Amino acid sequence: MIRYPTDALWQEIIYLAYHLHWPLDDLLDLEHADRARLVRGVAALNARAWEAMRQ
């Protein structure tokens, strides 16, 4: 079994907790693939929001 780096896990947890306001236990219960998909989705939403502000 390959362990996911602890620092990377916490960066994802902090990012999602900040943007989604989900409890820590809910974020820790996510499978890696689901958490990574949420991180990508939130990042895409943020990028679109920043782009809209620049126009």
PDB file of N, CA and C in Angstrom:
ATOM      1  N   MET A   1       0.840  -1.175   0.000  1.00  0.00           N
ATOM      2  CA  MET A   1       0.000   0.000   0.000  1.00  0.00           C
ATOM      3  C   MET A   1       0.887   1.241   0.000  1.00  0.00           C
ATOM      4  N   ILE A   2       0.575   2.174  -0.897  1.00  0.00           N
ATOM      5  CA  ILE A   2       1.334   3.413  -0.993  1.00  0.00           C
ATOM      6  C   ILE A   2       0.646   4.478  -0.137  1.00  0.00           C
ATOM      7  N   ARG A   3       1.422   5.110   0.724  1.00  0.00           N
ATOM      8  CA  ARG A   3       0.873   6.166   1.579  1.00  0.00           C
ATOM      9  C   ARG A   3       0.952   7.502   0.860  1.00  0.00           C
ATOM     10  N   TYR A   4      -0.109   8.269   0.964  1.00  0.00           N
ATOM     11  CA  TYR A   4      -0.145   9.606   0.388  1.00  0.00           C
ATOM     12  C   TYR A   4       0.628  10.539   1.311  1.00  0.00           C
ATOM     13  N   PRO A   5       1.471  11.412   0.778  1.00  0.00           N
ATOM     14  CA  PRO A   5       2.269  12.293   1.639  1.00  0.00           C
ATOM     15  C   PRO A   5       1.390  13.132   2.576  1.00  0.00           C
ATOM     16  N   THR A   6       1.751  13.144   3.835  1.00  0.00           N
ATOM     17  CA  THR A   6       0.965  13.835   4.848  1.00  0.00           C
ATOM     18  C   THR A   6       0.810  15.318   4.542  1.00  0.00           C
ATOM     19  N   ASP A   7       1.888  15.974   4.115  1.00  0.00           N
ATOM     20  CA  ASP A   7       1.798  17.410   3.806  1.00  0.00           C
ATOM     21  C   ASP A   7       0.822  17.673   2.664  1.00  0.00           C
ATOM     22  N   ALA A   8       0.837  16.834   1.653  1.00  0.00           N
ATOM     23  CA  ALA A   8      -0.087  17.002   0.525  1.00  0.00           C
ATOM     24  C   ALA A   8      -1.529  16.789   0.979  1.00  0.00           C
ATOM     25  N   LEU A   9      -1.744  15.797   1.822  1.00  0.00           N
ATOM     26  CA  LEU A   9      -3.084  15.546   2.352  1.00  0.00           C
ATOM     27  C   LEU A   9      -3.594  16.771   3.102  1.00  0.00           C
ATOM     28  N   TRP A  10      -2.769  17.330   3.982  1.00  0.00           N
ATOM     29  CA  TRP A  10      -3.210  18.494   4.754  1.00  0.00           C
ATOM     30  C   TRP A  10      -3.434  19.712   3.875  1.00  0.00           C
ATOM     31  N   GLN A  11      -2.644  19.895   2.840  1.00  0.00           N
ATOM     32  CA  GLN A  11      -2.874  21.015   1.914  1.00  0.00           C
ATOM     33  C   GLN A  11      -4.243  20.878   1.253  1.00  0.00           C
ATOM     34  N   GLU A  12      -4.595  19.675   0.841  1.00  0.00           N
ATOM     35  CA  GLU A  12      -5.907  19.444   0.236  1.00  0.00           C
ATOM     36  C   GLU A  12      -7.028  19.668   1.244  1.00  0.00           C
ATOM     37  N   ILE A  13      -6.860  19.156   2.457  1.00  0.00           N
ATOM     38  CA  ILE A  13      -7.874  19.299   3.501  1.00  0.00           C
ATOM     39  C   ILE A  13      -8.097  20.773   3.825  1.00  0.00           C
ATOM     40  N   ILE A  14      -7.009  21.518   4.009  1.00  0.00           N
ATOM     41  CA  ILE A  14      -7.118  22.945   4.330  1.00  0.00           C
ATOM     42  C   ILE A  14      -7.799  23.701   3.196  1.00  0.00           C
ATOM     43  N   TYR A  15      -7.420  23.418   1.975  1.00  0.00           N
ATOM     44  CA  TYR A  15      -8.001  24.089   0.808  1.00  0.00           C
ATOM     45  C   TYR A  15      -9.507  23.840   0.742  1.00  0.00           C
ATOM     46  N   LEU A  16      -9.922  22.595   0.891  1.00  0.00           N
ATOM     47  CA  LEU A  16     -11.341  22.262   0.821  1.00  0.00           C
ATOM     48  C   LEU A  16     -12.106  22.795   2.020  1.00  0.00           C
ATOM     49  N   ALA A  17     -11.524  22.712   3.199  1.00  0.00           N
ATOM     50  CA  ALA A  17     -12.201  23.229   4.392  1.00  0.00           C
ATOM     51  C   ALA A  17     -12.424  24.731   4.264  1.00  0.00           C
ATOM     52  N   TYR A  18     -11.446  25.431   3.735  1.00  0.00           N
ATOM     53  CA  TYR A  18     -11.557  26.882   3.566  1.00  0.00           C
ATOM     54  C   TYR A  18     -12.666  27.250   2.593  1.00  0.00           C
ATOM     55  N   HIS A  19     -12.729  26.549   1.481  1.00  0.00           N
ATOM     56  CA  HIS A  19     -13.688  26.900   0.433  1.00  0.00           C
ATOM     57  C   HIS A  19     -15.064  26.276   0.618  1.00  0.00           C
ATOM     58  N   LEU A  20     -15.128  25.076   1.163  1.00  0.00           N
ATOM     59  CA  LEU A  20     -16.408  24.374   1.270  1.00  0.00           C
ATOM     60  C   LEU A  20     -17.011  24.419   2.672  1.00  0.00           C
ATOM     61  N   HIS A  21     -16.194  24.767   3.663  1.00  0.00           N
ATOM     62  CA  HIS A  21     -16.660  24.842   5.061  1.00  0.00           C
ATOM     63  C   HIS A  21     -17.194  23.497   5.553  1.00  0.00           C
ATOM     64  N   TRP A  22     -16.540  22.420   5.122  1.00  0.00           N
ATOM     65  CA  TRP A  22     -16.926  21.082   5.564  1.00  0.00           C
ATOM     66  C   TRP A  22     -16.150  20.732   6.831  1.00  0.00           C
ATOM     67  N   PRO A  23     -16.734  19.914   7.693  1.00  0.00           N
ATOM     68  CA  PRO A  23     -16.020  19.470   8.898  1.00  0.00           C
ATOM     69  C   PRO A  23     -14.806  18.598   8.539  1.00  0.00           C
ATOM     70  N   LEU A  24     -13.815  18.658   9.397  1.00  0.00           N
ATOM     71  CA  LEU A  24     -12.580  17.898   9.184  1.00  0.00           C
ATOM     72  C   LEU A  24     -12.857  16.415   9.009  1.00  0.00           C
ATOM     73  N   ASP A  25     -13.707  15.846   9.833  1.00  0.00           N
ATOM     74  CA  ASP A  25     -13.991  14.410   9.732  1.00  0.00           C
ATOM     75  C   ASP A  25     -14.553  14.032   8.368  1.00  0.00           C
ATOM     76  N   ASP A  26     -15.419  14.871   7.817  1.00  0.00           N
ATOM     77  CA  ASP A  26     -15.984  14.594   6.486  1.00  0.00           C
ATOM     78  C   ASP A  26     -14.897  14.621   5.422  1.00  0.00           C
ATOM     79  N   LEU A  27     -13.989  15.574   5.516  1.00  0.00           N
ATOM     80  CA  LEU A  27     -12.918  15.669   4.530  1.00  0.00           C
ATOM     81  C   LEU A  27     -11.935  14.506   4.660  1.00  0.00           C
ATOM     82  N   LEU A  28     -11.643  14.108   5.885  1.00  0.00           N
ATOM     83  CA  LEU A  28     -10.729  12.984   6.088  1.00  0.00           C
ATOM     84  C   LEU A  28     -11.334  11.658   5.648  1.00  0.00           C
ATOM     85  N   ASP A  29     -12.654  11.563   5.659  1.00  0.00           N
ATOM     86  CA  ASP A  29     -13.323  10.331   5.237  1.00  0.00           C
ATOM     87  C   ASP A  29     -13.339  10.147   3.725  1.00  0.00           C
ATOM     88  N   LEU A  30     -13.043  11.194   2.972  1.00  0.00           N
ATOM     89  CA  LEU A  30     -13.069  11.093   1.509  1.00  0.00           C
ATOM     90  C   LEU A  30     -11.949  10.189   1.002  1.00  0.00           C
ATOM     91  N   GLU A  31     -12.249   9.443  -0.032  1.00  0.00           N
ATOM     92  CA  GLU A  31     -11.208   8.694  -0.730  1.00  0.00           C
ATOM     93  C   GLU A  31     -10.314   9.694  -1.452  1.00  0.00           C
ATOM     94  N   HIS A  32      -9.074   9.308  -1.678  1.00  0.00           N
ATOM     95  CA  HIS A  32      -8.123  10.213  -2.328  1.00  0.00           C
ATOM     96  C   HIS A  32      -8.651  10.731  -3.670  1.00  0.00           C
ATOM     97  N   ALA A  33      -9.161   9.850  -4.497  1.00  0.00           N
ATOM     98  CA  ALA A  33      -9.634  10.263  -5.822  1.00  0.00           C
ATOM     99  C   ALA A  33     -10.786  11.272  -5.713  1.00  0.00           C
ATOM    100  N   ASP A  34     -11.679  11.069  -4.765  1.00  0.00           N
ATOM    101  CA  ASP A  34     -12.793  12.002  -4.576  1.00  0.00           C
ATOM    102  C   ASP A  34     -12.294  13.353  -4.082  1.00  0.00           C
ATOM    103  N   ARG A  35     -11.365  13.317  -3.132  1.00  0.00           N
ATOM    104  CA  ARG A  35     -10.806  14.560  -2.605  1.00  0.00           C
ATOM    105  C   ARG A  35     -10.064  15.317  -3.697  1.00  0.00           C
ATOM    106  N   ALA A  36      -9.291  14.620  -4.494  1.00  0.00           N
ATOM    107  CA  ALA A  36      -8.546  15.255  -5.581  1.00  0.00           C
ATOM    108  C   ALA A  36      -9.505  15.865  -6.609  1.00  0.00           C
ATOM    109  N   ARG A  37     -10.597  15.183  -6.887  1.00  0.00           N
ATOM    110  CA  ARG A  37     -11.589  15.710  -7.835  1.00  0.00           C
ATOM    111  C   ARG A  37     -12.232  16.980  -7.284  1.00  0.00           C
ATOM    112  N   LEU A  38     -12.530  16.995  -5.989  1.00  0.00           N
ATOM    113  CA  LEU A  38     -13.086  18.200  -5.372  1.00  0.00           C
ATOM    114  C   LEU A  38     -12.094  19.356  -5.425  1.00  0.00           C
ATOM    115  N   VAL A  39     -10.821  19.077  -5.164  1.00  0.00           N
ATOM    116  CA  VAL A  39      -9.796  20.123  -5.231  1.00  0.00           C
ATOM    117  C   VAL A  39      -9.747  20.706  -6.638  1.00  0.00           C
ATOM    118  N   ARG A  40      -9.757  19.863  -7.653  1.00  0.00           N
ATOM    119  CA  ARG A  40      -9.731  20.352  -9.039  1.00  0.00           C
ATOM    120  C   ARG A  40     -10.982  21.175  -9.350  1.00  0.00           C
ATOM    121  N   GLY A  41     -12.127  20.716  -8.872  1.00  0.00           N
ATOM    122  CA  GLY A  41     -13.381  21.426  -9.127  1.00  0.00           C
ATOM    123  C   GLY A  41     -13.407  22.789  -8.465  1.00  0.00           C
ATOM    124  N   VAL A  42     -12.985  22.863  -7.225  1.00  0.00           N
ATOM    125  CA  VAL A  42     -12.948  24.145  -6.518  1.00  0.00           C
ATOM    126  C   VAL A  42     -11.936  25.073  -7.177  1.00  0.00           C
ATOM    127  N   ALA A  43     -10.794  24.546  -7.577  1.00  0.00           N
ATOM    128  CA  ALA A  43      -9.781  25.363  -8.253  1.00  0.00           C
ATOM    129  C   ALA A  43     -10.329  25.929  -9.557  1.00  0.00           C
ATOM    130  N   ALA A  44     -11.080  25.130 -10.303  1.00  0.00           N
ATOM    131  CA  ALA A  44     -11.672  25.604 -11.556  1.00  0.00           C
ATOM    132  C   ALA A  44     -12.697  26.702 -11.295  1.00  0.00           C
ATOM    133  N   LEU A  45     -13.507  26.538 -10.263  1.00  0.00           N
ATOM    134  CA  LEU A  45     -14.474  27.582  -9.904  1.00  0.00           C
ATOM    135  C   LEU A  45     -13.766  28.872  -9.508  1.00  0.00           C
ATOM    136  N   ASN A  46     -12.701  28.756  -8.739  1.00  0.00           N
ATOM    137  CA  ASN A  46     -11.935  29.937  -8.347  1.00  0.00           C
ATOM    138  C   ASN A  46     -11.319  30.624  -9.564  1.00  0.00           C
ATOM    139  N   ALA A  47     -10.781  29.842 -10.477  1.00  0.00           N
ATOM    140  CA  ALA A  47     -10.175  30.426 -11.678  1.00  0.00           C
ATOM    141  C   ALA A  47     -11.217  31.181 -12.504  1.00  0.00           C
ATOM    142  N   ARG A  48     -12.411  30.596 -12.636  1.00  0.00           N
ATOM    143  CA  ARG A  48     -13.468  31.280 -13.386  1.00  0.00           C
ATOM    144  C   ARG A  48     -13.918  32.556 -12.684  1.00  0.00           C
ATOM    145  N   ALA A  49     -13.996  32.520 -11.372  1.00  0.00           N
ATOM    146  CA  ALA A  49     -14.395  33.708 -10.619  1.00  0.00           C
ATOM    147  C   ALA A  49     -13.370  34.821 -10.774  1.00  0.00           C
ATOM    148  N   TRP A  50     -12.083  34.490 -10.682  1.00  0.00           N
ATOM    149  CA  TRP A  50     -11.047  35.491 -10.860  1.00  0.00           C
ATOM    150  C   TRP A  50     -11.049  36.044 -12.283  1.00  0.00           C
ATOM    151  N   GLU A  51     -11.266  35.173 -13.245  1.00  0.00           N
ATOM    152  CA  GLU A  51     -11.318  35.624 -14.643  1.00  0.00           C
ATOM    153  C   GLU A  51     -12.477  36.586 -14.859  1.00  0.00           C
ATOM    154  N   ALA A  52     -13.618  36.303 -14.269  1.00  0.00           N
ATOM    155  CA  ALA A  52     -14.787  37.171 -14.401  1.00  0.00           C
ATOM    156  C   ALA A  52     -14.514  38.531 -13.766  1.00  0.00           C
ATOM    157  N   MET A  53     -13.760  38.553 -12.683  1.00  0.00           N
ATOM    158  CA  MET A  53     -13.443  39.822 -12.013  1.00  0.00           C
ATOM    159  C   MET A  53     -12.495  40.671 -12.837  1.00  0.00           C
ATOM    160  N   ARG A  54     -11.656  40.041 -13.647  1.00  0.00           N
ATOM    161  CA  ARG A  54     -10.686  40.774 -14.472  1.00  0.00           C
ATOM    162  C   ARG A  54     -11.320  41.420 -15.676  1.00  0.00           C
ATOM    163  N   GLN A  55     -12.497  40.962 -16.068  1.00  0.00           N
ATOM    164  CA  GLN A  55     -13.119  41.474 -17.300  1.00  0.00           C
ATOM    165  C   GLN A  55     -13.870  42.743 -17.045  1.00  0.00           C
TER     166      GLN A  55
END
